[in-house]
Amino acid sequence: MNMRVDDREAIREIIAAYAHAIDRRRWDMIGSLFHADGVFKFAGVDGDWRGFIEQASAILNPCIATQHQLGQTLIGFEGSDVAHAETYMTAMHIVPAGYPRTEVFPDWGRTYSAVVAGRYIDRFERRDGAWKIASRTGLYDWREYRELGEGADLAPLPQEVRGYHDDRDPSTPVVARFRGQSSGG
């Protein structure tokens, strides 16, 4: 029996790198995760991956913070160079007062948390030896808006314990290869 462990790991790494890219606002990584003709559809975001960057950044950049947590991933292979994957996710968004994209998250006039639970349904293709996303469809399973309690504002914390949406974030070397950079190792 061929376990295809290397293929599964390559696919899971792309799925994880996507979550990292959107949470850290590293939009320059997306092109290394999708094939050039790759497409994306989730809620109000629909089109090729380049259009995805424009649409998703307009939705996520105004958020104070986001965190996409990935759950189980099932992968099924169709021949040697096509795979289908279903990945469960829960995405937390800290939405500020005055949020501009009210068709996505309402403006409550105060900061709140928007939680989206759903799944990514992906078609991966291996081209030129590399697995990448050929198409991704996001599905909602549920969503919830929550009041925020104490501690949501991280500004009082020391800078060295906070995450960032730029290269100050200590994860920068981890994803250098997805950004076309050398990680030095």
C-alpha atoms as a PDB file:
ATOM      1  CA  MET A   1       0.000   0.000   0.000  1.00  0.00           C
ATOM      2  CA  ASN A   2       1.341   3.421  -0.985  1.00  0.00           C
ATOM      3  CA  MET A   3       0.698   5.770   1.939  1.00  0.00           C
ATOM      4  CA  ARG A   4       1.600   8.930  -0.010  1.00  0.00           C
ATOM      5  CA  VAL A   5       2.877  10.467   3.210  1.00  0.00           C
ATOM      6  CA  ASP A   6       5.057  13.043   1.447  1.00  0.00           C
ATOM      7  CA  ASP A   7       2.157  14.167  -0.754  1.00  0.00           C
ATOM      8  CA  ARG A   8      -0.181  14.467   2.229  1.00  0.00           C
ATOM      9  CA  GLU A   9       2.385  16.466   4.192  1.00  0.00           C
ATOM     10  CA  ALA A  10       3.002  18.823   1.245  1.00  0.00           C
ATOM     11  CA  ILE A  11      -0.745  19.437   0.926  1.00  0.00           C
ATOM     12  CA  ARG A  12      -1.212  20.001   4.662  1.00  0.00           C
ATOM     13  CA  GLU A  13       1.681  22.452   4.662  1.00  0.00           C
ATOM     14  CA  ILE A  14       0.021  24.516   1.912  1.00  0.00           C
ATOM     15  CA  ILE A  15      -3.237  24.542   3.900  1.00  0.00           C
ATOM     16  CA  ALA A  16      -1.408  25.713   7.043  1.00  0.00           C
ATOM     17  CA  ALA A  17       0.622  28.303   5.113  1.00  0.00           C
ATOM     18  CA  TYR A  18      -2.626  29.785   3.775  1.00  0.00           C
ATOM     19  CA  ALA A  19      -3.969  30.301   7.315  1.00  0.00           C
ATOM     20  CA  HIS A  20      -0.686  31.889   8.312  1.00  0.00           C
ATOM     21  CA  ALA A  21      -0.669  34.169   5.255  1.00  0.00           C
ATOM     22  CA  ILE A  22      -4.102  35.632   5.853  1.00  0.00           C
ATOM     23  CA  ASP A  23      -3.705  35.990   9.628  1.00  0.00           C
ATOM     24  CA  ARG A  24      -0.322  37.696   9.362  1.00  0.00           C
ATOM     25  CA  ARG A  25      -1.501  39.692   6.275  1.00  0.00           C
ATOM     26  CA  ARG A  26       1.327  38.238   4.233  1.00  0.00           C
ATOM     27  CA  TRP A  27      -0.516  38.571   0.962  1.00  0.00           C
ATOM     28  CA  ASP A  28       2.745  38.049  -0.941  1.00  0.00           C
ATOM     29  CA  MET A  29       2.612  34.358   0.067  1.00  0.00           C
ATOM     30  CA  ILE A  30      -0.680  33.569  -1.661  1.00  0.00           C
ATOM     31  CA  GLY A  31       0.876  33.251  -5.125  1.00  0.00           C
ATOM     32  CA  SER A  32       3.106  30.433  -3.885  1.00  0.00           C
ATOM     33  CA  LEU A  33       0.097  28.504  -2.557  1.00  0.00           C
ATOM     34  CA  PHE A  34      -2.209  28.688  -5.588  1.00  0.00           C
ATOM     35  CA  HIS A  35      -1.480  27.689  -9.171  1.00  0.00           C
ATOM     36  CA  ALA A  36      -1.379  30.647 -11.558  1.00  0.00           C
ATOM     37  CA  ASP A  37      -4.894  29.798 -12.774  1.00  0.00           C
ATOM     38  CA  GLY A  38      -6.160  28.926  -9.270  1.00  0.00           C
ATOM     39  CA  VAL A  39      -9.584  30.132  -8.147  1.00  0.00           C
ATOM     40  CA  PHE A  40     -11.168  30.909  -4.777  1.00  0.00           C
ATOM     41  CA  LYS A  41     -14.781  31.246  -3.651  1.00  0.00           C
ATOM     42  CA  PHE A  42     -15.971  31.962  -0.115  1.00  0.00           C
ATOM     43  CA  ALA A  43     -18.872  34.193   0.837  1.00  0.00           C
ATOM     44  CA  GLY A  44     -18.361  37.513  -0.988  1.00  0.00           C
ATOM     45  CA  VAL A  45     -14.896  36.610  -2.268  1.00  0.00           C
ATOM     46  CA  ASP A  46     -14.937  34.991  -5.690  1.00  0.00           C
ATOM     47  CA  GLY A  47     -12.474  34.786  -8.572  1.00  0.00           C
ATOM     48  CA  ASP A  48      -8.839  34.061  -9.248  1.00  0.00           C
ATOM     49  CA  TRP A  49      -6.265  34.160  -6.449  1.00  0.00           C
ATOM     50  CA  ARG A  50      -5.062  37.625  -7.464  1.00  0.00           C
ATOM     51  CA  GLY A  51      -8.586  38.959  -7.064  1.00  0.00           C
ATOM     52  CA  PHE A  52      -8.812  37.019  -3.818  1.00  0.00           C
ATOM     53  CA  ILE A  53      -5.913  39.047  -2.397  1.00  0.00           C
ATOM     54  CA  GLU A  54      -7.653  42.317  -3.257  1.00  0.00           C
ATOM     55  CA  GLN A  55     -11.009  41.205  -1.860  1.00  0.00           C
ATOM     56  CA  ALA A  56      -9.745  39.374   1.233  1.00  0.00           C
ATOM     57  CA  SER A  57      -7.341  42.126   2.221  1.00  0.00           C
ATOM     58  CA  ALA A  58     -10.215  44.639   2.087  1.00  0.00           C
ATOM     59  CA  ILE A  59     -12.148  42.361   4.481  1.00  0.00           C
ATOM     60  CA  LEU A  60      -9.340  41.360   6.847  1.00  0.00           C
ATOM     61  CA  ASN A  61      -6.975  44.340   6.942  1.00  0.00           C
ATOM     62  CA  PRO A  62      -9.460  46.504   8.895  1.00  0.00           C
ATOM     63  CA  CYS A  63      -9.804  43.763  11.547  1.00  0.00           C
ATOM     64  CA  ILE A  64      -7.707  44.299  14.648  1.00  0.00           C
ATOM     65  CA  ALA A  65      -6.717  40.626  14.651  1.00  0.00           C
ATOM     66  CA  THR A  66      -7.698  37.340  13.049  1.00  0.00           C
ATOM     67  CA  GLN A  67      -6.831  33.752  13.787  1.00  0.00           C
ATOM     68  CA  HIS A  68      -7.778  30.872  11.540  1.00  0.00           C
ATOM     69  CA  GLN A  69      -7.497  27.612  13.449  1.00  0.00           C
ATOM     70  CA  LEU A  70      -7.406  24.491  11.343  1.00  0.00           C
ATOM     71  CA  GLY A  71      -9.036  21.243  12.362  1.00  0.00           C
ATOM     72  CA  GLN A  72      -9.039  17.853  10.722  1.00  0.00           C
ATOM     73  CA  THR A  73      -8.108  17.495   7.075  1.00  0.00           C
ATOM     74  CA  LEU A  74      -9.237  14.622   4.896  1.00  0.00           C
ATOM     75  CA  ILE A  75      -7.371  14.073   1.637  1.00  0.00           C
ATOM     76  CA  GLY A  76      -8.444  11.839  -1.235  1.00  0.00           C
ATOM     77  CA  PHE A  77      -6.311  11.234  -4.295  1.00  0.00           C
ATOM     78  CA  GLU A  78      -7.508  11.096  -7.885  1.00  0.00           C
ATOM     79  CA  GLY A  79      -4.587   9.600  -9.766  1.00  0.00           C
ATOM     80  CA  SER A  80      -1.043  10.681  -9.026  1.00  0.00           C
ATOM     81  CA  ASP A  81      -1.326  14.458  -9.529  1.00  0.00           C
ATOM     82  CA  VAL A  82      -4.778  15.470  -8.250  1.00  0.00           C
ATOM     83  CA  ALA A  83      -6.012  15.490  -4.675  1.00  0.00           C
ATOM     84  CA  HIS A  84      -9.190  16.687  -3.001  1.00  0.00           C
ATOM     85  CA  ALA A  85      -9.085  17.967   0.572  1.00  0.00           C
ATOM     86  CA  GLU A  86     -11.644  19.014   3.147  1.00  0.00           C
ATOM     87  CA  THR A  87     -10.294  21.042   6.083  1.00  0.00           C
ATOM     88  CA  TYR A  88     -12.353  22.209   9.022  1.00  0.00           C
ATOM     89  CA  MET A  89     -11.583  25.716  10.271  1.00  0.00           C
ATOM     90  CA  THR A  90     -12.674  28.157  12.924  1.00  0.00           C
ATOM     91  CA  ALA A  91     -11.788  31.771  12.218  1.00  0.00           C
ATOM     92  CA  MET A  92     -11.848  34.443  14.880  1.00  0.00           C
ATOM     93  CA  HIS A  93     -11.976  38.097  13.866  1.00  0.00           C
ATOM     94  CA  ILE A  94     -11.698  41.103  16.183  1.00  0.00           C
ATOM     95  CA  VAL A  95     -13.905  43.615  14.376  1.00  0.00           C
ATOM     96  CA  PRO A  96     -13.428  47.306  15.229  1.00  0.00           C
ATOM     97  CA  ALA A  97     -16.056  49.998  15.600  1.00  0.00           C
ATOM     98  CA  GLY A  98     -16.559  51.613  12.208  1.00  0.00           C
ATOM     99  CA  TYR A  99     -15.765  48.417  10.280  1.00  0.00           C
ATOM    100  CA  PRO A 100     -16.175  49.383   6.592  1.00  0.00           C
ATOM    101  CA  ARG A 101     -17.382  46.101   5.025  1.00  0.00           C
ATOM    102  CA  THR A 102     -20.801  45.781   6.663  1.00  0.00           C
ATOM    103  CA  GLU A 103     -21.905  43.195   4.100  1.00  0.00           C
ATOM    104  CA  VAL A 104     -19.308  40.895   5.713  1.00  0.00           C
ATOM    105  CA  PHE A 105     -19.434  41.886   9.404  1.00  0.00           C
ATOM    106  CA  PRO A 106     -21.886  44.412  10.850  1.00  0.00           C
ATOM    107  CA  ASP A 107     -20.667  47.631  12.418  1.00  0.00           C
ATOM    108  CA  TRP A 108     -21.786  47.406  16.042  1.00  0.00           C
ATOM    109  CA  GLY A 109     -20.272  50.784  16.840  1.00  0.00           C
ATOM    110  CA  ARG A 110     -17.874  49.029  19.235  1.00  0.00           C
ATOM    111  CA  THR A 111     -15.231  46.333  18.969  1.00  0.00           C
ATOM    112  CA  TYR A 112     -16.536  42.741  19.003  1.00  0.00           C
ATOM    113  CA  SER A 113     -15.566  39.220  18.001  1.00  0.00           C
ATOM    114  CA  ALA A 114     -16.901  37.501  14.888  1.00  0.00           C
ATOM    115  CA  VAL A 115     -16.398  33.741  14.841  1.00  0.00           C
ATOM    116  CA  VAL A 116     -16.840  31.804  11.617  1.00  0.00           C
ATOM    117  CA  ALA A 117     -16.748  28.021  11.561  1.00  0.00           C
ATOM    118  CA  GLY A 118     -16.640  26.215   8.274  1.00  0.00           C
ATOM    119  CA  ARG A 119     -14.630  24.170   5.861  1.00  0.00           C
ATOM    120  CA  TYR A 120     -12.258  24.619   2.958  1.00  0.00           C
ATOM    121  CA  ILE A 121     -12.953  22.272   0.066  1.00  0.00           C
ATOM    122  CA  ASP A 122      -9.831  22.200  -2.099  1.00  0.00           C
ATOM    123  CA  ARG A 123      -8.675  20.697  -5.336  1.00  0.00           C
ATOM    124  CA  PHE A 124      -4.912  20.355  -5.309  1.00  0.00           C
ATOM    125  CA  GLU A 125      -2.882  19.613  -8.394  1.00  0.00           C
ATOM    126  CA  ARG A 126       0.744  18.661  -8.626  1.00  0.00           C
ATOM    127  CA  ARG A 127       2.321  20.528 -11.519  1.00  0.00           C
ATOM    128  CA  ASP A 128       6.035  20.612 -12.225  1.00  0.00           C
ATOM    129  CA  GLY A 129       6.492  18.542  -9.082  1.00  0.00           C
ATOM    130  CA  ALA A 130       4.738  20.999  -6.726  1.00  0.00           C
ATOM    131  CA  TRP A 131       1.377  20.613  -5.017  1.00  0.00           C
ATOM    132  CA  LYS A 132      -0.681  23.825  -5.030  1.00  0.00           C
ATOM    133  CA  ILE A 133      -4.324  24.805  -4.780  1.00  0.00           C
ATOM    134  CA  ALA A 134      -6.145  24.734  -8.116  1.00  0.00           C
ATOM    135  CA  SER A 135      -9.494  25.680  -6.579  1.00  0.00           C
ATOM    136  CA  ARG A 136     -10.765  26.449  -3.106  1.00  0.00           C
ATOM    137  CA  THR A 137     -14.371  26.764  -1.991  1.00  0.00           C
ATOM    138  CA  GLY A 138     -15.095  27.939   1.528  1.00  0.00           C
ATOM    139  CA  LEU A 139     -18.281  26.878   3.253  1.00  0.00           C
ATOM    140  CA  TYR A 140     -19.939  28.278   6.373  1.00  0.00           C
ATOM    141  CA  ASP A 141     -21.130  25.741   8.922  1.00  0.00           C
ATOM    142  CA  TRP A 142     -22.023  28.430  11.485  1.00  0.00           C
ATOM    143  CA  ARG A 143     -21.040  31.895  12.637  1.00  0.00           C
ATOM    144  CA  GLU A 144     -21.488  33.908  15.789  1.00  0.00           C
ATOM    145  CA  TYR A 145     -20.893  37.466  16.931  1.00  0.00           C
ATOM    146  CA  ARG A 146     -19.704  37.905  20.521  1.00  0.00           C
ATOM    147  CA  GLU A 147     -19.154  40.743  22.960  1.00  0.00           C
ATOM    148  CA  LEU A 148     -15.528  41.135  24.009  1.00  0.00           C
ATOM    149  CA  GLY A 149     -14.491  40.988  27.618  1.00  0.00           C
ATOM    150  CA  GLU A 150     -11.465  42.411  29.344  1.00  0.00           C
ATOM    151  CA  GLY A 151      -8.033  41.788  27.851  1.00  0.00           C
ATOM    152  CA  ALA A 152      -8.853  41.978  24.156  1.00  0.00           C
ATOM    153  CA  ASP A 153      -6.753  45.113  23.731  1.00  0.00           C
ATOM    154  CA  LEU A 154      -3.137  43.929  23.537  1.00  0.00           C
ATOM    155  CA  ALA A 155      -1.640  47.435  23.489  1.00  0.00           C
ATOM    156  CA  PRO A 156      -0.698  47.325  27.206  1.00  0.00           C
ATOM    157  CA  LEU A 157       1.362  44.148  26.675  1.00  0.00           C
ATOM    158  CA  PRO A 158       5.098  44.350  25.949  1.00  0.00           C
ATOM    159  CA  GLN A 159       5.840  44.397  22.221  1.00  0.00           C
ATOM    160  CA  GLU A 160       7.930  41.216  22.389  1.00  0.00           C
ATOM    161  CA  VAL A 161       4.903  39.093  23.364  1.00  0.00           C
ATOM    162  CA  ARG A 162       2.509  40.385  20.691  1.00  0.00           C
ATOM    163  CA  GLY A 163       1.990  39.118  17.157  1.00  0.00           C
ATOM    164  CA  TYR A 164       2.318  41.481  14.210  1.00  0.00           C
ATOM    165  CA  HIS A 165       1.009  41.801  10.674  1.00  0.00           C
ATOM    166  CA  ASP A 166       4.438  42.601   9.248  1.00  0.00           C
ATOM    167  CA  ASP A 167       8.024  41.360   9.336  1.00  0.00           C
ATOM    168  CA  ARG A 168       8.382  42.234  13.029  1.00  0.00           C
ATOM    169  CA  ASP A 169       6.475  39.017  13.710  1.00  0.00           C
ATOM    170  CA  PRO A 170       8.954  36.339  14.850  1.00  0.00           C
ATOM    171  CA  SER A 171       7.433  33.801  12.440  1.00  0.00           C
ATOM    172  CA  THR A 172       8.972  35.600   9.450  1.00  0.00           C
ATOM    173  CA  PRO A 173      11.836  33.070   8.938  1.00  0.00           C
ATOM    174  CA  VAL A 174       9.391  30.145   9.115  1.00  0.00           C
ATOM    175  CA  VAL A 175       7.583  31.237   5.957  1.00  0.00           C
ATOM    176  CA  ALA A 176      10.496  32.742   4.019  1.00  0.00           C
ATOM    177  CA  ARG A 177      10.372  30.026   1.351  1.00  0.00           C
ATOM    178  CA  PHE A 178       6.719  30.841   0.579  1.00  0.00           C
ATOM    179  CA  ARG A 179       7.663  34.485   0.161  1.00  0.00           C
ATOM    180  CA  GLY A 180      10.555  33.815  -2.235  1.00  0.00           C
ATOM    181  CA  GLN A 181      13.135  34.574   0.429  1.00  0.00           C
ATOM    182  CA  SER A 182      15.952  32.552   1.890  1.00  0.00           C
ATOM    183  CA  SER A 183      15.470  31.546   5.507  1.00  0.00           C
ATOM    184  CA  GLY A 184      19.228  31.354   5.972  1.00  0.00           C
ATOM    185  CA  GLY A 185      19.165  27.634   6.639  1.00  0.00           C
END
